[in-house]
C-alpha atoms as a PDB file:
ATOM      1  CA  UNK A   1      55.434 -29.805   0.396  1.00  0.00           C
ATOM      2  CA  UNK A   2      52.481 -31.006   2.595  1.00  0.00           C
ATOM      3  CA  UNK A   3      53.135 -33.711   4.998  1.00  0.00           C
ATOM      4  CA  UNK A   4      50.635 -36.370   3.744  1.00  0.00           C
ATOM      5  CA  UNK A   5      51.661 -38.994   6.396  1.00  0.00           C
ATOM      6  CA  UNK A   6      52.222 -36.969   9.597  1.00  0.00           C
ATOM      7  CA  UNK A   7      50.371 -38.107  12.673  1.00  0.00           C
ATOM      8  CA  UNK A   8      49.184 -41.286  10.908  1.00  0.00           C
ATOM      9  CA  UNK A   9      49.545 -44.656  12.407  1.00  0.00           C
ATOM     10  CA  UNK A  10      51.111 -47.180  10.099  1.00  0.00           C
ATOM     11  CA  UNK A  11      48.582 -49.941   9.219  1.00  0.00           C
ATOM     12  CA  UNK A  12      49.375 -53.557   9.414  1.00  0.00           C
ATOM     13  CA  UNK A  13      50.897 -54.856   6.100  1.00  0.00           C
ATOM     14  CA  UNK A  14      48.220 -55.928   3.737  1.00  0.00           C
ATOM     15  CA  UNK A  15      47.968 -57.038   0.158  1.00  0.00           C
ATOM     16  CA  UNK A  16      44.985 -55.223  -1.300  1.00  0.00           C
ATOM     17  CA  UNK A  17      43.199 -56.452  -4.426  1.00  0.00           C
ATOM     18  CA  UNK A  18      43.343 -52.874  -5.814  1.00  0.00           C
ATOM     19  CA  UNK A  19      45.808 -50.021  -5.089  1.00  0.00           C
ATOM     20  CA  UNK A  20      45.177 -48.038  -1.980  1.00  0.00           C
ATOM     21  CA  UNK A  21      46.820 -44.956  -0.337  1.00  0.00           C
ATOM     22  CA  UNK A  22      45.882 -42.322   2.239  1.00  0.00           C
ATOM     23  CA  UNK A  23      42.867 -44.572   3.201  1.00  0.00           C
ATOM     24  CA  UNK A  24      41.536 -44.106  -0.367  1.00  0.00           C
ATOM     25  CA  UNK A  25      40.209 -47.462  -1.560  1.00  0.00           C
ATOM     26  CA  UNK A  26      37.656 -49.091  -3.627  1.00  0.00           C
ATOM     27  CA  UNK A  27      34.304 -48.737  -1.864  1.00  0.00           C
ATOM     28  CA  UNK A  28      35.644 -46.147   0.545  1.00  0.00           C
ATOM     29  CA  UNK A  29      33.779 -42.935   1.337  1.00  0.00           C
ATOM     30  CA  UNK A  30      35.526 -39.533   0.998  1.00  0.00           C
ATOM     31  CA  UNK A  31      34.294 -36.600   2.797  1.00  0.00           C
ATOM     32  CA  UNK A  32      35.321 -33.124   1.768  1.00  0.00           C
ATOM     33  CA  UNK A  33      35.715 -30.027   3.994  1.00  0.00           C
ATOM     34  CA  UNK A  34      32.524 -27.989   3.314  1.00  0.00           C
ATOM     35  CA  UNK A  35      34.128 -24.454   4.148  1.00  0.00           C
ATOM     36  CA  UNK A  36      37.097 -25.206   1.886  1.00  0.00           C
ATOM     37  CA  UNK A  37      34.913 -26.054  -1.050  1.00  0.00           C
ATOM     38  CA  UNK A  38      32.520 -23.195  -0.464  1.00  0.00           C
ATOM     39  CA  UNK A  39      35.603 -20.749  -0.592  1.00  0.00           C
ATOM     40  CA  UNK A  40      36.994 -22.350  -3.677  1.00  0.00           C
ATOM     41  CA  UNK A  41      33.935 -23.115  -5.892  1.00  0.00           C
ATOM     42  CA  UNK A  42      33.095 -19.511  -6.732  1.00  0.00           C
ATOM     43  CA  UNK A  43      36.465 -19.096  -8.360  1.00  0.00           C
ATOM     44  CA  UNK A  44      36.818 -22.384 -10.409  1.00  0.00           C
ATOM     45  CA  UNK A  45      34.921 -24.072 -13.202  1.00  0.00           C
ATOM     46  CA  UNK A  46      33.444 -27.048 -11.398  1.00  0.00           C
ATOM     47  CA  UNK A  47      30.581 -26.368  -9.068  1.00  0.00           C
ATOM     48  CA  UNK A  48      28.326 -28.274  -6.752  1.00  0.00           C
ATOM     49  CA  UNK A  49      30.823 -30.789  -5.601  1.00  0.00           C
ATOM     50  CA  UNK A  50      29.311 -33.491  -3.361  1.00  0.00           C
ATOM     51  CA  UNK A  51      30.651 -33.206   0.183  1.00  0.00           C
ATOM     52  CA  UNK A  52      30.421 -37.012   0.499  1.00  0.00           C
ATOM     53  CA  UNK A  53      31.520 -39.344  -2.299  1.00  0.00           C
ATOM     54  CA  UNK A  54      31.808 -43.044  -2.688  1.00  0.00           C
ATOM     55  CA  UNK A  55      34.728 -44.464  -4.598  1.00  0.00           C
ATOM     56  CA  UNK A  56      33.458 -46.770  -7.390  1.00  0.00           C
ATOM     57  CA  UNK A  57      36.653 -47.448  -9.348  1.00  0.00           C
ATOM     58  CA  UNK A  58      40.403 -47.268  -8.862  1.00  0.00           C
ATOM     59  CA  UNK A  59      42.958 -46.586 -11.655  1.00  0.00           C
ATOM     60  CA  UNK A  60      46.661 -46.985 -11.723  1.00  0.00           C
ATOM     61  CA  UNK A  61      49.161 -45.419 -14.110  1.00  0.00           C
ATOM     62  CA  UNK A  62      52.820 -46.516 -13.777  1.00  0.00           C
ATOM     63  CA  UNK A  63      54.817 -43.584 -15.015  1.00  0.00           C
ATOM     64  CA  UNK A  64      58.208 -45.280 -14.561  1.00  0.00           C
ATOM     65  CA  UNK A  65      59.842 -47.794 -12.238  1.00  0.00           C
ATOM     66  CA  UNK A  66      59.727 -45.261  -9.172  1.00  0.00           C
ATOM     67  CA  UNK A  67      56.493 -43.235  -9.665  1.00  0.00           C
ATOM     68  CA  UNK A  68      52.776 -43.865 -10.378  1.00  0.00           C
ATOM     69  CA  UNK A  69      49.368 -42.043 -10.521  1.00  0.00           C
ATOM     70  CA  UNK A  70      46.446 -43.495  -8.624  1.00  0.00           C
ATOM     71  CA  UNK A  71      42.959 -42.387  -9.570  1.00  0.00           C
ATOM     72  CA  UNK A  72      39.944 -42.783  -7.307  1.00  0.00           C
ATOM     73  CA  UNK A  73      36.845 -42.405  -9.349  1.00  0.00           C
ATOM     74  CA  UNK A  74      33.784 -41.397  -7.363  1.00  0.00           C
ATOM     75  CA  UNK A  75      29.935 -41.296  -7.738  1.00  0.00           C
ATOM     76  CA  UNK A  76      30.147 -37.458  -8.362  1.00  0.00           C
ATOM     77  CA  UNK A  77      31.494 -37.465 -11.898  1.00  0.00           C
ATOM     78  CA  UNK A  78      35.027 -36.959 -10.683  1.00  0.00           C
ATOM     79  CA  UNK A  79      38.235 -38.368  -9.264  1.00  0.00           C
ATOM     80  CA  UNK A  80      40.928 -37.867  -6.784  1.00  0.00           C
ATOM     81  CA  UNK A  81      44.341 -38.307  -8.232  1.00  0.00           C
ATOM     82  CA  UNK A  82      47.505 -39.135  -6.214  1.00  0.00           C
ATOM     83  CA  UNK A  83      51.050 -38.951  -7.327  1.00  0.00           C
ATOM     84  CA  UNK A  84      53.550 -41.144  -5.473  1.00  0.00           C
ATOM     85  CA  UNK A  85      57.427 -41.168  -6.244  1.00  0.00           C
ATOM     86  CA  UNK A  86      59.894 -43.556  -4.803  1.00  0.00           C
ATOM     87  CA  UNK A  87      57.456 -46.177  -3.467  1.00  0.00           C
ATOM     88  CA  UNK A  88      53.791 -46.932  -2.742  1.00  0.00           C
ATOM     89  CA  UNK A  89      53.360 -45.947   0.841  1.00  0.00           C
ATOM     90  CA  UNK A  90      51.603 -42.820   2.223  1.00  0.00           C
ATOM     91  CA  UNK A  91      55.073 -41.308   2.731  1.00  0.00           C
ATOM     92  CA  UNK A  92      55.720 -41.401  -1.012  1.00  0.00           C
ATOM     93  CA  UNK A  93      52.803 -39.119  -1.850  1.00  0.00           C
ATOM     94  CA  UNK A  94      53.916 -35.814  -3.291  1.00  0.00           C
ATOM     95  CA  UNK A  95      50.713 -34.526  -4.896  1.00  0.00           C
ATOM     96  CA  UNK A  96      46.981 -34.928  -4.612  1.00  0.00           C
ATOM     97  CA  UNK A  97      44.305 -33.373  -6.846  1.00  0.00           C
ATOM     98  CA  UNK A  98      40.599 -33.319  -7.136  1.00  0.00           C
ATOM     99  CA  UNK A  99      39.377 -33.570 -10.723  1.00  0.00           C
ATOM    100  CA  UNK A 100      35.904 -33.251 -12.272  1.00  0.00           C
ATOM    101  CA  UNK A 101      34.931 -34.245 -15.818  1.00  0.00           C
ATOM    102  CA  UNK A 102      33.950 -31.223 -17.839  1.00  0.00           C
ATOM    103  CA  UNK A 103      33.266 -32.726 -21.277  1.00  0.00           C
ATOM    104  CA  UNK A 104      33.602 -35.979 -23.151  1.00  0.00           C
ATOM    105  CA  UNK A 105      33.474 -36.090 -26.878  1.00  0.00           C
ATOM    106  CA  UNK A 106      33.547 -39.336 -28.917  1.00  0.00           C
ATOM    107  CA  UNK A 107      36.077 -39.615 -31.733  1.00  0.00           C
ATOM    108  CA  UNK A 108      34.512 -41.694 -34.459  1.00  0.00           C
ATOM    109  CA  UNK A 109      37.063 -41.903 -37.408  1.00  0.00           C
ATOM    110  CA  UNK A 110      40.725 -42.714 -37.642  1.00  0.00           C
ATOM    111  CA  UNK A 111      41.360 -39.428 -39.312  1.00  0.00           C
ATOM    112  CA  UNK A 112      39.864 -37.439 -36.537  1.00  0.00           C
ATOM    113  CA  UNK A 113      41.894 -39.418 -33.999  1.00  0.00           C
ATOM    114  CA  UNK A 114      45.211 -38.882 -35.754  1.00  0.00           C
ATOM    115  CA  UNK A 115      44.292 -35.095 -36.081  1.00  0.00           C
ATOM    116  CA  UNK A 116      43.359 -34.922 -32.429  1.00  0.00           C
ATOM    117  CA  UNK A 117      46.830 -36.461 -31.330  1.00  0.00           C
ATOM    118  CA  UNK A 118      48.689 -34.277 -33.843  1.00  0.00           C
ATOM    119  CA  UNK A 119      46.881 -31.083 -33.413  1.00  0.00           C
ATOM    120  CA  UNK A 120      44.238 -31.096 -30.679  1.00  0.00           C
ATOM    121  CA  UNK A 121      46.014 -31.854 -27.411  1.00  0.00           C
ATOM    122  CA  UNK A 122      49.238 -29.769 -27.066  1.00  0.00           C
ATOM    123  CA  UNK A 123      48.947 -25.946 -27.287  1.00  0.00           C
ATOM    124  CA  UNK A 124      50.784 -23.143 -25.786  1.00  0.00           C
ATOM    125  CA  UNK A 125      47.511 -22.344 -23.880  1.00  0.00           C
ATOM    126  CA  UNK A 126      44.062 -23.608 -23.375  1.00  0.00           C
ATOM    127  CA  UNK A 127      40.942 -21.383 -23.056  1.00  0.00           C
ATOM    128  CA  UNK A 128      37.922 -22.655 -21.086  1.00  0.00           C
ATOM    129  CA  UNK A 129      34.902 -20.881 -19.692  1.00  0.00           C
ATOM    130  CA  UNK A 130      36.646 -17.516 -20.352  1.00  0.00           C
ATOM    131  CA  UNK A 131      39.778 -18.387 -18.628  1.00  0.00           C
ATOM    132  CA  UNK A 132      43.214 -19.002 -19.997  1.00  0.00           C
ATOM    133  CA  UNK A 133      45.362 -21.888 -18.961  1.00  0.00           C
ATOM    134  CA  UNK A 134      49.061 -22.173 -19.632  1.00  0.00           C
ATOM    135  CA  UNK A 135      50.722 -25.412 -20.735  1.00  0.00           C
ATOM    136  CA  UNK A 136      52.539 -27.043 -17.705  1.00  0.00           C
ATOM    137  CA  UNK A 137      54.744 -29.718 -19.307  1.00  0.00           C
ATOM    138  CA  UNK A 138      57.322 -28.824 -21.900  1.00  0.00           C
ATOM    139  CA  UNK A 139      56.451 -31.837 -24.087  1.00  0.00           C
ATOM    140  CA  UNK A 140      55.638 -30.950 -27.800  1.00  0.00           C
ATOM    141  CA  UNK A 141      53.631 -34.184 -28.146  1.00  0.00           C
ATOM    142  CA  UNK A 142      50.941 -35.612 -25.724  1.00  0.00           C
ATOM    143  CA  UNK A 143      52.378 -37.645 -22.862  1.00  0.00           C
ATOM    144  CA  UNK A 144      51.357 -41.224 -23.321  1.00  0.00           C
ATOM    145  CA  UNK A 145      50.330 -43.406 -20.537  1.00  0.00           C
ATOM    146  CA  UNK A 146      48.236 -46.540 -19.862  1.00  0.00           C
ATOM    147  CA  UNK A 147      45.774 -46.804 -16.993  1.00  0.00           C
ATOM    148  CA  UNK A 148      44.607 -50.058 -15.506  1.00  0.00           C
ATOM    149  CA  UNK A 149      41.225 -49.527 -13.874  1.00  0.00           C
ATOM    150  CA  UNK A 150      39.449 -51.804 -11.275  1.00  0.00           C
ATOM    151  CA  UNK A 151      35.648 -51.526 -10.899  1.00  0.00           C
ATOM    152  CA  UNK A 152      33.745 -52.937  -8.128  1.00  0.00           C
ATOM    153  CA  UNK A 153      32.650 -56.511  -8.706  1.00  0.00           C
ATOM    154  CA  UNK A 154      35.396 -57.188 -11.468  1.00  0.00           C
ATOM    155  CA  UNK A 155      38.362 -59.573 -10.824  1.00  0.00           C
ATOM    156  CA  UNK A 156      40.681 -58.023 -13.521  1.00  0.00           C
ATOM    157  CA  UNK A 157      41.344 -54.392 -14.503  1.00  0.00           C
ATOM    158  CA  UNK A 158      40.536 -52.951 -17.793  1.00  0.00           C
ATOM    159  CA  UNK A 159      43.102 -50.867 -19.771  1.00  0.00           C
ATOM    160  CA  UNK A 160      42.899 -47.445 -21.319  1.00  0.00           C
ATOM    161  CA  UNK A 161      45.576 -45.740 -23.475  1.00  0.00           C
ATOM    162  CA  UNK A 162      45.739 -41.982 -22.686  1.00  0.00           C
ATOM    163  CA  UNK A 163      47.576 -39.130 -24.381  1.00  0.00           C
ATOM    164  CA  UNK A 164      47.567 -36.247 -22.147  1.00  0.00           C
ATOM    165  CA  UNK A 165      48.549 -32.459 -21.704  1.00  0.00           C
ATOM    166  CA  UNK A 166      48.176 -30.492 -18.377  1.00  0.00           C
ATOM    167  CA  UNK A 167      47.245 -26.762 -18.283  1.00  0.00           C
ATOM    168  CA  UNK A 168      47.247 -24.359 -15.356  1.00  0.00           C
ATOM    169  CA  UNK A 169      46.109 -20.903 -14.256  1.00  0.00           C
ATOM    170  CA  UNK A 170      46.728 -19.115 -10.995  1.00  0.00           C
ATOM    171  CA  UNK A 171      43.536 -18.058  -9.439  1.00  0.00           C
ATOM    172  CA  UNK A 172      45.062 -16.277  -6.517  1.00  0.00           C
ATOM    173  CA  UNK A 173      48.050 -16.660  -4.075  1.00  0.00           C
ATOM    174  CA  UNK A 174      46.703 -19.753  -2.575  1.00  0.00           C
ATOM    175  CA  UNK A 175      44.709 -21.456  -5.476  1.00  0.00           C
ATOM    176  CA  UNK A 176      45.672 -22.808  -8.804  1.00  0.00           C
ATOM    177  CA  UNK A 177      43.210 -24.467 -11.186  1.00  0.00           C
ATOM    178  CA  UNK A 178      44.117 -27.127 -13.821  1.00  0.00           C
ATOM    179  CA  UNK A 179      42.789 -28.478 -17.014  1.00  0.00           C
ATOM    180  CA  UNK A 180      43.702 -31.945 -18.193  1.00  0.00           C
ATOM    181  CA  UNK A 181      43.167 -32.759 -21.873  1.00  0.00           C
ATOM    182  CA  UNK A 182      43.125 -36.432 -22.610  1.00  0.00           C
ATOM    183  CA  UNK A 183      42.729 -38.493 -25.782  1.00  0.00           C
ATOM    184  CA  UNK A 184      41.624 -41.910 -24.576  1.00  0.00           C
ATOM    185  CA  UNK A 185      41.440 -45.229 -26.442  1.00  0.00           C
ATOM    186  CA  UNK A 186      40.051 -48.540 -25.193  1.00  0.00           C
ATOM    187  CA  UNK A 187      39.449 -51.876 -26.779  1.00  0.00           C
ATOM    188  CA  UNK A 188      35.871 -53.115 -26.136  1.00  0.00           C
ATOM    189  CA  UNK A 189      34.789 -56.368 -27.955  1.00  0.00           C
ATOM    190  CA  UNK A 190      37.617 -55.880 -30.459  1.00  0.00           C
ATOM    191  CA  UNK A 191      36.548 -52.385 -31.321  1.00  0.00           C
ATOM    192  CA  UNK A 192      38.429 -49.387 -30.502  1.00  0.00           C
ATOM    193  CA  UNK A 193      36.463 -46.877 -28.430  1.00  0.00           C
ATOM    194  CA  UNK A 194      37.984 -43.366 -28.549  1.00  0.00           C
ATOM    195  CA  UNK A 195      37.125 -40.040 -26.885  1.00  0.00           C
ATOM    196  CA  UNK A 196      38.429 -36.632 -26.019  1.00  0.00           C
ATOM    197  CA  UNK A 197      38.082 -36.081 -22.311  1.00  0.00           C
ATOM    198  CA  UNK A 198      38.419 -32.576 -20.705  1.00  0.00           C
ATOM    199  CA  UNK A 199      38.578 -32.344 -16.895  1.00  0.00           C
ATOM    200  CA  UNK A 200      39.188 -29.461 -14.484  1.00  0.00           C
ATOM    201  CA  UNK A 201      40.769 -29.804 -11.076  1.00  0.00           C
ATOM    202  CA  UNK A 202      42.459 -28.233  -8.126  1.00  0.00           C
ATOM    203  CA  UNK A 203      45.248 -29.199  -5.564  1.00  0.00           C
ATOM    204  CA  UNK A 204      44.035 -30.992  -2.317  1.00  0.00           C
ATOM    205  CA  UNK A 205      45.811 -30.541   1.111  1.00  0.00           C
ATOM    206  CA  UNK A 206      45.628 -32.979   3.969  1.00  0.00           C
ATOM    207  CA  UNK A 207      42.995 -31.059   5.721  1.00  0.00           C
ATOM    208  CA  UNK A 208      40.648 -30.828   2.740  1.00  0.00           C
ATOM    209  CA  UNK A 209      39.211 -34.262   2.980  1.00  0.00           C
ATOM    210  CA  UNK A 210      39.021 -37.435   5.067  1.00  0.00           C
ATOM    211  CA  UNK A 211      38.219 -41.073   4.120  1.00  0.00           C
ATOM    212  CA  UNK A 212      35.763 -43.239   6.173  1.00  0.00           C
END
């Protein structure tokens, strides 16, 4: 496990209006290590990742009483996802991933939505761009979660219901690539907006990025 909080000076206690961790925050700028990305990108699906990205929205998913996901959406069609267990400090971070949106497809009818949840999310494996990804979680049904998302200039978060499965392939001894399949549902002006969202991602280490 990487030490995400080693050599970090503890900040003064604050009560942020949106969730923050590892310096990641709404309006913050993330700078990625250029060499690391140049070595990775030829072997994964996403390409052309911006080395400097602005965080434009922050999402929080409470998985249970002791763990949560934070998602920091940037201006580069992707997001950094942080998993915390046991608390909300930097010391509780156990996993960080960089995700890029691959495809978003609207789901227009109730029948299509029902079929997607029943048959379109969970498979033994997922094929994308000629690569095969194995199912990570043992669930036979999509994992349900609700994300609260804060955008710049808004006082209150919006909510999105998500039904997810995670897939993974080993690229080499030091690199894994992931595919996240998510059926998403959001109420907008009393109308349900639904979509199938496919994202691809990689693990991040503490040396892969910094926040300014």
